[in-house]
């Protein structure tokens, strides 16, 4: 007989709140999305760094869109107190993914080649990585994780460096490798982290929702 998961009650900043099965499921989905995103990104990076031949380019496109899909799932289920910030990250993901789809279907060259040869495309696709950097920043701020402290500045430095053309190829390769490794470390550590901290203080969410409702009703 399956063991029933009992809801747990916690004391939050604005009162008591309960963590139930649906809350835990949301965190599991969030972490699964991150794990898939990290895995696909690491595989793609390894293909680029260890076997940079044209035969891997179609696989890179598939891996990138798997990465985008998994990241989108995580952005749907992540817990962020500031609703505006949450929506902005989701918007960034939508812009970047849409740009990637448009570029992939309007160019004869594989997506990875197009982005590498035309860094200006990062002004569109880069929004996906801006959304990912938002997750890194949130995790660094909330959990003080060393890998996300490195990833938060590393990602924009690498992308902006490639966009501006100021980074030597060797440095780009090194930074891409560091990104892939640290992303996997981050995803693994999320898997073993207790679930309640990722849910956060639900009384804060309830308070902010009540404040928003009161503001709307008062207009």
C-alpha atoms as a PDB file:
ATOM      1  CA  UNK A   1       0.000   0.000   0.000  1.00  0.00           C
ATOM      2  CA  UNK A   2       1.452   3.381  -1.021  1.00  0.00           C
ATOM      3  CA  UNK A   3       2.332   5.710   1.800  1.00  0.00           C
ATOM      4  CA  UNK A   4       0.199   8.838   1.858  1.00  0.00           C
ATOM      5  CA  UNK A   5       2.097  12.127   1.766  1.00  0.00           C
ATOM      6  CA  UNK A   6       0.936  14.285   4.658  1.00  0.00           C
ATOM      7  CA  UNK A   7       0.726  18.049   4.234  1.00  0.00           C
ATOM      8  CA  UNK A   8       3.165  19.976   6.415  1.00  0.00           C
ATOM      9  CA  UNK A   9       2.439  23.284   8.132  1.00  0.00           C
ATOM     10  CA  UNK A  10       5.083  26.002   8.497  1.00  0.00           C
ATOM     11  CA  UNK A  11       5.213  29.431  10.095  1.00  0.00           C
ATOM     12  CA  UNK A  12       5.797  32.120   7.489  1.00  0.00           C
ATOM     13  CA  UNK A  13       6.367  35.855   7.655  1.00  0.00           C
ATOM     14  CA  UNK A  14       2.648  36.596   7.287  1.00  0.00           C
ATOM     15  CA  UNK A  15       1.183  33.560   8.987  1.00  0.00           C
ATOM     16  CA  UNK A  16       1.055  29.796   8.727  1.00  0.00           C
ATOM     17  CA  UNK A  17       1.093  27.994   5.384  1.00  0.00           C
ATOM     18  CA  UNK A  18       0.875  24.400   4.245  1.00  0.00           C
ATOM     19  CA  UNK A  19       3.091  22.526   1.804  1.00  0.00           C
ATOM     20  CA  UNK A  20       1.069  19.850   0.045  1.00  0.00           C
ATOM     21  CA  UNK A  21       1.578  17.239  -2.650  1.00  0.00           C
ATOM     22  CA  UNK A  22       0.968  19.677  -5.512  1.00  0.00           C
ATOM     23  CA  UNK A  23       3.640  22.040  -4.166  1.00  0.00           C
ATOM     24  CA  UNK A  24       6.158  19.211  -4.064  1.00  0.00           C
ATOM     25  CA  UNK A  25       5.208  18.085  -7.553  1.00  0.00           C
ATOM     26  CA  UNK A  26       5.796  21.610  -8.863  1.00  0.00           C
ATOM     27  CA  UNK A  27       9.312  21.633  -7.406  1.00  0.00           C
ATOM     28  CA  UNK A  28      10.054  18.205  -8.863  1.00  0.00           C
ATOM     29  CA  UNK A  29       8.943  19.404 -12.317  1.00  0.00           C
ATOM     30  CA  UNK A  30      11.052  22.575 -11.922  1.00  0.00           C
ATOM     31  CA  UNK A  31      14.135  20.553 -11.041  1.00  0.00           C
ATOM     32  CA  UNK A  32      13.506  17.994 -13.773  1.00  0.00           C
ATOM     33  CA  UNK A  33      13.347  20.789 -16.320  1.00  0.00           C
ATOM     34  CA  UNK A  34      16.638  22.179 -15.040  1.00  0.00           C
ATOM     35  CA  UNK A  35      18.249  18.741 -15.133  1.00  0.00           C
ATOM     36  CA  UNK A  36      17.186  18.166 -18.755  1.00  0.00           C
ATOM     37  CA  UNK A  37      18.298  21.672 -19.725  1.00  0.00           C
ATOM     38  CA  UNK A  38      21.679  21.127 -18.064  1.00  0.00           C
ATOM     39  CA  UNK A  39      22.128  17.711 -19.684  1.00  0.00           C
ATOM     40  CA  UNK A  40      21.270  18.864 -23.197  1.00  0.00           C
ATOM     41  CA  UNK A  41      23.429  21.964 -22.818  1.00  0.00           C
ATOM     42  CA  UNK A  42      26.368  19.879 -21.561  1.00  0.00           C
ATOM     43  CA  UNK A  43      26.036  17.375 -24.427  1.00  0.00           C
ATOM     44  CA  UNK A  44      25.836  20.175 -26.976  1.00  0.00           C
ATOM     45  CA  UNK A  45      28.840  21.940 -25.477  1.00  0.00           C
ATOM     46  CA  UNK A  46      30.834  18.700 -25.462  1.00  0.00           C
ATOM     47  CA  UNK A  47      30.039  18.143 -29.142  1.00  0.00           C
ATOM     48  CA  UNK A  48      31.211  21.659 -29.989  1.00  0.00           C
ATOM     49  CA  UNK A  49      34.384  21.498 -27.905  1.00  0.00           C
ATOM     50  CA  UNK A  50      35.452  17.918 -28.602  1.00  0.00           C
ATOM     51  CA  UNK A  51      34.117  17.257 -32.096  1.00  0.00           C
ATOM     52  CA  UNK A  52      33.570  20.555 -33.949  1.00  0.00           C
ATOM     53  CA  UNK A  53      32.624  19.016 -37.297  1.00  0.00           C
ATOM     54  CA  UNK A  54      29.671  19.664 -39.564  1.00  0.00           C
ATOM     55  CA  UNK A  55      28.205  16.240 -38.819  1.00  0.00           C
ATOM     56  CA  UNK A  56      27.198  17.355 -35.304  1.00  0.00           C
ATOM     57  CA  UNK A  57      25.389  20.545 -36.348  1.00  0.00           C
ATOM     58  CA  UNK A  58      21.920  18.981 -36.848  1.00  0.00           C
ATOM     59  CA  UNK A  59      22.208  17.359 -33.428  1.00  0.00           C
ATOM     60  CA  UNK A  60      23.090  20.744 -31.907  1.00  0.00           C
ATOM     61  CA  UNK A  61      19.874  22.252 -33.249  1.00  0.00           C
ATOM     62  CA  UNK A  62      17.798  19.432 -31.769  1.00  0.00           C
ATOM     63  CA  UNK A  63      19.623  19.678 -28.440  1.00  0.00           C
ATOM     64  CA  UNK A  64      19.110  23.435 -28.323  1.00  0.00           C
ATOM     65  CA  UNK A  65      15.364  23.176 -28.774  1.00  0.00           C
ATOM     66  CA  UNK A  66      15.194  20.397 -26.161  1.00  0.00           C
ATOM     67  CA  UNK A  67      17.106  22.766 -23.874  1.00  0.00           C
ATOM     68  CA  UNK A  68      14.632  25.571 -24.597  1.00  0.00           C
ATOM     69  CA  UNK A  69      11.637  23.323 -23.921  1.00  0.00           C
ATOM     70  CA  UNK A  70      13.014  22.090 -20.616  1.00  0.00           C
ATOM     71  CA  UNK A  71      13.930  25.623 -19.549  1.00  0.00           C
ATOM     72  CA  UNK A  72      10.422  26.797 -20.404  1.00  0.00           C
ATOM     73  CA  UNK A  73       8.937  24.127 -18.124  1.00  0.00           C
ATOM     74  CA  UNK A  74      11.207  25.243 -15.292  1.00  0.00           C
ATOM     75  CA  UNK A  75      10.192  28.863 -15.802  1.00  0.00           C
ATOM     76  CA  UNK A  76       6.528  27.854 -15.530  1.00  0.00           C
ATOM     77  CA  UNK A  77       7.048  26.100 -12.197  1.00  0.00           C
ATOM     78  CA  UNK A  78       9.747  28.186 -10.499  1.00  0.00           C
ATOM     79  CA  UNK A  79       8.736  30.002  -7.303  1.00  0.00           C
ATOM     80  CA  UNK A  80       9.617  33.720  -7.401  1.00  0.00           C
ATOM     81  CA  UNK A  81       8.065  36.203  -4.980  1.00  0.00           C
ATOM     82  CA  UNK A  82       8.080  39.072  -7.476  1.00  0.00           C
ATOM     83  CA  UNK A  83       5.416  38.190 -10.028  1.00  0.00           C
ATOM     84  CA  UNK A  84       6.687  40.882 -12.403  1.00  0.00           C
ATOM     85  CA  UNK A  85      10.172  39.346 -12.434  1.00  0.00           C
ATOM     86  CA  UNK A  86       8.657  35.916 -13.027  1.00  0.00           C
ATOM     87  CA  UNK A  87       6.712  37.192 -16.029  1.00  0.00           C
ATOM     88  CA  UNK A  88       9.764  39.029 -17.395  1.00  0.00           C
ATOM     89  CA  UNK A  89      11.846  35.845 -17.343  1.00  0.00           C
ATOM     90  CA  UNK A  90       9.056  33.967 -19.105  1.00  0.00           C
ATOM     91  CA  UNK A  91       8.810  36.762 -21.680  1.00  0.00           C
ATOM     92  CA  UNK A  92      12.566  36.623 -22.255  1.00  0.00           C
ATOM     93  CA  UNK A  93      12.299  32.871 -22.823  1.00  0.00           C
ATOM     94  CA  UNK A  94       9.438  33.345 -25.297  1.00  0.00           C
ATOM     95  CA  UNK A  95      11.320  36.034 -27.251  1.00  0.00           C
ATOM     96  CA  UNK A  96      14.532  34.015 -27.407  1.00  0.00           C
ATOM     97  CA  UNK A  97      12.833  30.768 -28.376  1.00  0.00           C
ATOM     98  CA  UNK A  98      10.739  32.494 -31.052  1.00  0.00           C
ATOM     99  CA  UNK A  99      13.869  34.134 -32.448  1.00  0.00           C
ATOM    100  CA  UNK A 100      15.661  30.782 -32.533  1.00  0.00           C
ATOM    101  CA  UNK A 101      12.772  29.162 -34.407  1.00  0.00           C
ATOM    102  CA  UNK A 102      12.660  32.038 -36.903  1.00  0.00           C
ATOM    103  CA  UNK A 103      16.416  31.933 -37.490  1.00  0.00           C
ATOM    104  CA  UNK A 104      16.447  28.146 -37.839  1.00  0.00           C
ATOM    105  CA  UNK A 105      13.704  28.163 -40.471  1.00  0.00           C
ATOM    106  CA  UNK A 106      14.906  31.176 -42.465  1.00  0.00           C
ATOM    107  CA  UNK A 107      18.559  30.181 -42.865  1.00  0.00           C
ATOM    108  CA  UNK A 108      19.999  27.333 -44.887  1.00  0.00           C
ATOM    109  CA  UNK A 109      22.893  26.870 -42.465  1.00  0.00           C
ATOM    110  CA  UNK A 110      22.445  24.993 -39.151  1.00  0.00           C
ATOM    111  CA  UNK A 111      21.415  27.155 -36.197  1.00  0.00           C
ATOM    112  CA  UNK A 112      24.750  26.837 -34.376  1.00  0.00           C
ATOM    113  CA  UNK A 113      26.669  27.903 -37.473  1.00  0.00           C
ATOM    114  CA  UNK A 114      24.371  30.871 -38.068  1.00  0.00           C
ATOM    115  CA  UNK A 115      24.775  32.107 -34.495  1.00  0.00           C
ATOM    116  CA  UNK A 116      28.545  31.649 -34.571  1.00  0.00           C
ATOM    117  CA  UNK A 117      29.038  33.356 -37.921  1.00  0.00           C
ATOM    118  CA  UNK A 118      26.470  36.086 -37.242  1.00  0.00           C
ATOM    119  CA  UNK A 119      26.780  37.109 -33.571  1.00  0.00           C
ATOM    120  CA  UNK A 120      24.073  39.749 -34.111  1.00  0.00           C
ATOM    121  CA  UNK A 121      21.554  36.877 -33.864  1.00  0.00           C
ATOM    122  CA  UNK A 122      22.301  36.805 -30.126  1.00  0.00           C
ATOM    123  CA  UNK A 123      20.205  39.961 -29.826  1.00  0.00           C
ATOM    124  CA  UNK A 124      17.262  37.606 -30.318  1.00  0.00           C
ATOM    125  CA  UNK A 125      18.317  34.159 -29.170  1.00  0.00           C
ATOM    126  CA  UNK A 126      20.233  35.674 -26.274  1.00  0.00           C
ATOM    127  CA  UNK A 127      16.956  36.340 -24.457  1.00  0.00           C
ATOM    128  CA  UNK A 128      16.750  32.595 -23.720  1.00  0.00           C
ATOM    129  CA  UNK A 129      20.057  32.795 -21.902  1.00  0.00           C
ATOM    130  CA  UNK A 130      19.000  35.990 -20.164  1.00  0.00           C
ATOM    131  CA  UNK A 131      16.071  34.015 -18.724  1.00  0.00           C
ATOM    132  CA  UNK A 132      18.458  31.243 -17.657  1.00  0.00           C
ATOM    133  CA  UNK A 133      20.745  33.820 -16.040  1.00  0.00           C
ATOM    134  CA  UNK A 134      17.712  35.064 -14.111  1.00  0.00           C
ATOM    135  CA  UNK A 135      17.337  31.586 -12.631  1.00  0.00           C
ATOM    136  CA  UNK A 136      21.035  31.525 -11.757  1.00  0.00           C
ATOM    137  CA  UNK A 137      20.702  34.903 -10.047  1.00  0.00           C
ATOM    138  CA  UNK A 138      17.614  33.805  -8.106  1.00  0.00           C
ATOM    139  CA  UNK A 139      19.349  30.649  -6.916  1.00  0.00           C
ATOM    140  CA  UNK A 140      22.512  32.548  -5.976  1.00  0.00           C
ATOM    141  CA  UNK A 141      20.490  35.107  -4.022  1.00  0.00           C
ATOM    142  CA  UNK A 142      18.208  32.600  -2.265  1.00  0.00           C
ATOM    143  CA  UNK A 143      20.626  29.736  -1.615  1.00  0.00           C
ATOM    144  CA  UNK A 144      24.092  31.297  -1.842  1.00  0.00           C
ATOM    145  CA  UNK A 145      25.294  28.606  -4.258  1.00  0.00           C
ATOM    146  CA  UNK A 146      28.888  29.034  -5.421  1.00  0.00           C
ATOM    147  CA  UNK A 147      28.229  27.695  -8.940  1.00  0.00           C
ATOM    148  CA  UNK A 148      25.393  30.137  -9.608  1.00  0.00           C
ATOM    149  CA  UNK A 149      27.533  33.000  -8.309  1.00  0.00           C
ATOM    150  CA  UNK A 150      29.991  32.177 -11.098  1.00  0.00           C
ATOM    151  CA  UNK A 151      27.340  31.477 -13.719  1.00  0.00           C
ATOM    152  CA  UNK A 152      25.448  34.746 -13.180  1.00  0.00           C
ATOM    153  CA  UNK A 153      28.282  36.922 -14.567  1.00  0.00           C
ATOM    154  CA  UNK A 154      29.870  34.221 -16.747  1.00  0.00           C
ATOM    155  CA  UNK A 155      26.934  33.807 -19.139  1.00  0.00           C
ATOM    156  CA  UNK A 156      26.470  37.496 -20.085  1.00  0.00           C
ATOM    157  CA  UNK A 157      30.240  38.032 -20.310  1.00  0.00           C
ATOM    158  CA  UNK A 158      30.586  35.139 -22.753  1.00  0.00           C
ATOM    159  CA  UNK A 159      27.585  36.125 -24.877  1.00  0.00           C
ATOM    160  CA  UNK A 160      28.401  39.832 -24.949  1.00  0.00           C
ATOM    161  CA  UNK A 161      32.052  39.004 -25.609  1.00  0.00           C
ATOM    162  CA  UNK A 162      31.081  36.928 -28.640  1.00  0.00           C
ATOM    163  CA  UNK A 163      28.568  39.552 -29.791  1.00  0.00           C
ATOM    164  CA  UNK A 164      31.174  42.314 -29.666  1.00  0.00           C
ATOM    165  CA  UNK A 165      33.974  40.114 -31.001  1.00  0.00           C
ATOM    166  CA  UNK A 166      36.385  41.007 -28.209  1.00  0.00           C
ATOM    167  CA  UNK A 167      36.830  37.491 -26.776  1.00  0.00           C
ATOM    168  CA  UNK A 168      39.495  35.256 -28.353  1.00  0.00           C
ATOM    169  CA  UNK A 169      38.190  31.869 -29.521  1.00  0.00           C
ATOM    170  CA  UNK A 170      40.250  30.035 -26.896  1.00  0.00           C
ATOM    171  CA  UNK A 171      38.648  32.058 -24.104  1.00  0.00           C
ATOM    172  CA  UNK A 172      35.196  31.408 -25.526  1.00  0.00           C
ATOM    173  CA  UNK A 173      35.898  27.670 -25.515  1.00  0.00           C
ATOM    174  CA  UNK A 174      37.143  27.769 -21.926  1.00  0.00           C
ATOM    175  CA  UNK A 175      34.149  29.781 -20.724  1.00  0.00           C
ATOM    176  CA  UNK A 176      31.696  27.519 -22.574  1.00  0.00           C
ATOM    177  CA  UNK A 177      33.260  24.486 -20.900  1.00  0.00           C
ATOM    178  CA  UNK A 178      33.041  26.141 -17.479  1.00  0.00           C
ATOM    179  CA  UNK A 179      29.404  27.041 -18.122  1.00  0.00           C
ATOM    180  CA  UNK A 180      28.502  23.461 -19.047  1.00  0.00           C
ATOM    181  CA  UNK A 181      30.269  21.941 -16.033  1.00  0.00           C
ATOM    182  CA  UNK A 182      28.876  24.411 -13.517  1.00  0.00           C
ATOM    183  CA  UNK A 183      25.368  24.061 -14.968  1.00  0.00           C
ATOM    184  CA  UNK A 184      25.519  20.284 -14.429  1.00  0.00           C
ATOM    185  CA  UNK A 185      26.844  20.793 -10.891  1.00  0.00           C
ATOM    186  CA  UNK A 186      23.971  23.181 -10.213  1.00  0.00           C
ATOM    187  CA  UNK A 187      21.370  20.729 -11.544  1.00  0.00           C
ATOM    188  CA  UNK A 188      22.785  17.823  -9.514  1.00  0.00           C
ATOM    189  CA  UNK A 189      22.808  19.862  -6.316  1.00  0.00           C
ATOM    190  CA  UNK A 190      19.192  20.874  -6.928  1.00  0.00           C
ATOM    191  CA  UNK A 191      18.187  17.206  -7.145  1.00  0.00           C
ATOM    192  CA  UNK A 192      19.483  16.456  -3.636  1.00  0.00           C
ATOM    193  CA  UNK A 193      18.282  19.716  -2.058  1.00  0.00           C
ATOM    194  CA  UNK A 194      15.288  19.461   0.321  1.00  0.00           C
ATOM    195  CA  UNK A 195      12.054  20.434  -1.413  1.00  0.00           C
ATOM    196  CA  UNK A 196      10.510  23.006   1.015  1.00  0.00           C
ATOM    197  CA  UNK A 197      13.172  25.713   0.463  1.00  0.00           C
ATOM    198  CA  UNK A 198      12.361  25.732  -3.276  1.00  0.00           C
ATOM    199  CA  UNK A 199       8.707  26.330  -2.475  1.00  0.00           C
ATOM    200  CA  UNK A 200       9.528  29.302  -0.312  1.00  0.00           C
ATOM    201  CA  UNK A 201       7.295  31.143   2.116  1.00  0.00           C
ATOM    202  CA  UNK A 202       3.784  30.681   0.741  1.00  0.00           C
ATOM    203  CA  UNK A 203       2.455  33.271   3.171  1.00  0.00           C
ATOM    204  CA  UNK A 204       4.429  35.883   1.215  1.00  0.00           C
ATOM    205  CA  UNK A 205       2.777  34.807  -2.033  1.00  0.00           C
ATOM    206  CA  UNK A 206      -0.642  34.966  -0.335  1.00  0.00           C
ATOM    207  CA  UNK A 207       0.121  38.420   1.087  1.00  0.00           C
ATOM    208  CA  UNK A 208       1.288  39.803  -2.261  1.00  0.00           C
ATOM    209  CA  UNK A 209      -1.787  38.365  -3.978  1.00  0.00           C
ATOM    210  CA  UNK A 210      -4.061  39.935  -1.365  1.00  0.00           C
ATOM    211  CA  UNK A 211      -2.311  43.290  -1.775  1.00  0.00           C
ATOM    212  CA  UNK A 212      -2.755  43.148  -5.540  1.00  0.00           C
ATOM    213  CA  UNK A 213      -6.440  42.240  -5.186  1.00  0.00           C
ATOM    214  CA  UNK A 214      -6.995  45.075  -2.714  1.00  0.00           C
ATOM    215  CA  UNK A 215      -5.325  47.545  -5.075  1.00  0.00           C
ATOM    216  CA  UNK A 216      -7.487  46.451  -7.999  1.00  0.00           C
ATOM    217  CA  UNK A 217     -10.668  46.580  -5.917  1.00  0.00           C
ATOM    218  CA  UNK A 218      -9.757  50.046  -4.632  1.00  0.00           C
ATOM    219  CA  UNK A 219      -9.464  51.545  -8.096  1.00  0.00           C
END
